[in-house]
Amino acid sequence: MVTLLAAPAEPLSSAGDAQLILAALLGIAAVVLLIAWAKVHPFLSLILGAAVLGVVASVAPDNIVKSFSGGVGSTVGGVGLLIALGAMIGGLLAESGGADSIVERVVSRVSGRALPWAMAGVAALIGLPLFFEVGVVLLVPIVLLVSLRTDVPLMKIGIPALAGLSVLHGLVPPHPGPLVAIDALGANLGQTLALGLLVAIPTVIVAGPIFGNFIARYVPATAPEALLPTRRPLVVAGGRGPAATGRGRIDVDGDLVDQDDLVNPGTGRPGEPIDEAATEAVRARRAPALWAAVITVLLPVALMLLRAIGELALDEGTGGRKTLDIIGTPIVALLAGVIFAMIFLGYRTGFSRSQVSGFLGGSLPPIAGILLIVAAGGGFKQVLVDAGVGNLVANAAEGANLSPLLLGWLVAVGIRVATGSATVATITAAGIVAPLAATLQGPEVALLALAIGCGSLFFSHVNDAGFWLVKEYFGLTVGQTIKSWSVMETVISVVGFLGVLVLDLLL
């Protein structure tokens, strides 16, 4: 993986400590105010915030531009490819129905008290390759139907599903936040992945089924009728899949997938003309096999974990070690997942080459905004480092005997609450504590990345797009959303950070 630019041998500014502290505070404040008050897009806010930081720190204008541009380029090179490949896997899972097949299989085999646990497990599995927003769109219609058919309170099922998605999104690569933290801190991706999963399991349990069972008593939500699927499902060849059970597969709009959706993939608009020839091709398609969907999700994770195991168990320079180093490289692992999904979720289920290509291409535009924010955040972080602010914070933390894990968590919490952006919180916190990472060894750097990830999830409220997404999909009031979703995010942040501290004591 390409790492972010290191701090220069000599800072670009000769300003004193007080001026650097003021520059950092004003730069961060500019980002916060532009996003939260002026409603400026985070991409532009980060650019302007970097300019404010550099000017106040007395960095020459040309050096501000060079530093910011270098941070943008290295961030895109290190993280952008991974985000794009992860989005392609998510797109193929969504369009082929592979994600739905995982959900349907698990939900159809459990009932009663086991349902919240099943939904948490499914959401965590689906959440490995999918962005949070995509996971919500895929899972919420299923959650609404399950709640309606089983008379289980909506929050009792919905909170575990949201917890599974949110925890994986904030703590486990290849999601953008963890990747940015890993890249900025120079953490080992395999170690961060393994430790992230260890932290994620108890966190999902506490914030999901346990908290969901509690909050369901105080938030009596019911499934919004407008989001319940009412259209007739498409019966696929061979009698397999959700349609064969009478449930139907649910598309990204919350309704049942029919011939219109499959003939016009990715449009999400009913009523478009249906090509008769294409309709015959639809009838010949098969639902994707469950094993194919599961392997698509787990293959990149398994390859990266194998690399981490090889680093611990095999001597450097041996053939086995070199092989694992190559196949476990994040880009290679995710590319393997994309190719596997193209074959077994695309071609083998009856989709044409042009349709599979369309699915892959259609998965990229939605992440353009994320890539720009991540890139601009990398530039902002680099200006922080090059101006000498990072070293200043590191020296202050060392003098105050403050734990790097606690510092990273607190900084991420503050920026998350102020801006509503987990990505901005992760990028900024990682940039501030990056110099401290040089004093840490092995797993401690991975734990620092996880601590920042936990802080970036703290108390989502009205300045976070995810807040409104959950509110509308579950038909909640603002107060109910704060009681359920916002508190759940806080539980995730605190429990996850406690898990990081426990691992720090044990390792």
Foldseek 3Di string as FASTA:
>chain_A
DQFADAADPDFLAPDDLVLLVVLLVQLLVQLLCCVPPVVDASLVSLVVSLVSSCVSRVGDPVVLVVLLVSLLVRLCVQQVLLLLLLLLLLLLCQQLVLLVQLVCVQCVVDADLCQQVSLLVSLLLSLLSDQLLQSCLQCLLVLQVNCVVRVDQSLLNVQLNSLSNLLNLLQAPPHRLLSLLCRLQVAQNLLSRVLSVVLSVVLSVCLTNVVSVVCCVVFRFHADPVLHADDQAAQEPPLDDDVSVVRARAHSSNYHDHLQCNQVPPPPDPDDDHDPVVSVLRNHFDRFDNVLSSCLSCQLSVLLNQLVVCVVPPDPPDPVNVVSVVCNPNSNSSVVSSVSSCVRSAVVRRHDPVVSVVSSVSSPPVCPSVSSSLSSLSSSLSSSSSSPQLVSLLVVCVVVVHDLLVQLLVQLLVSCVSNVALNSSSSNSSSNPSVVSVVDDHSVSSLSSSSNSLSSQAQRADNHPVLVVVCVRRVHDRVSSSSRVRVSSNSSSVSSSVSSVVVVVVD
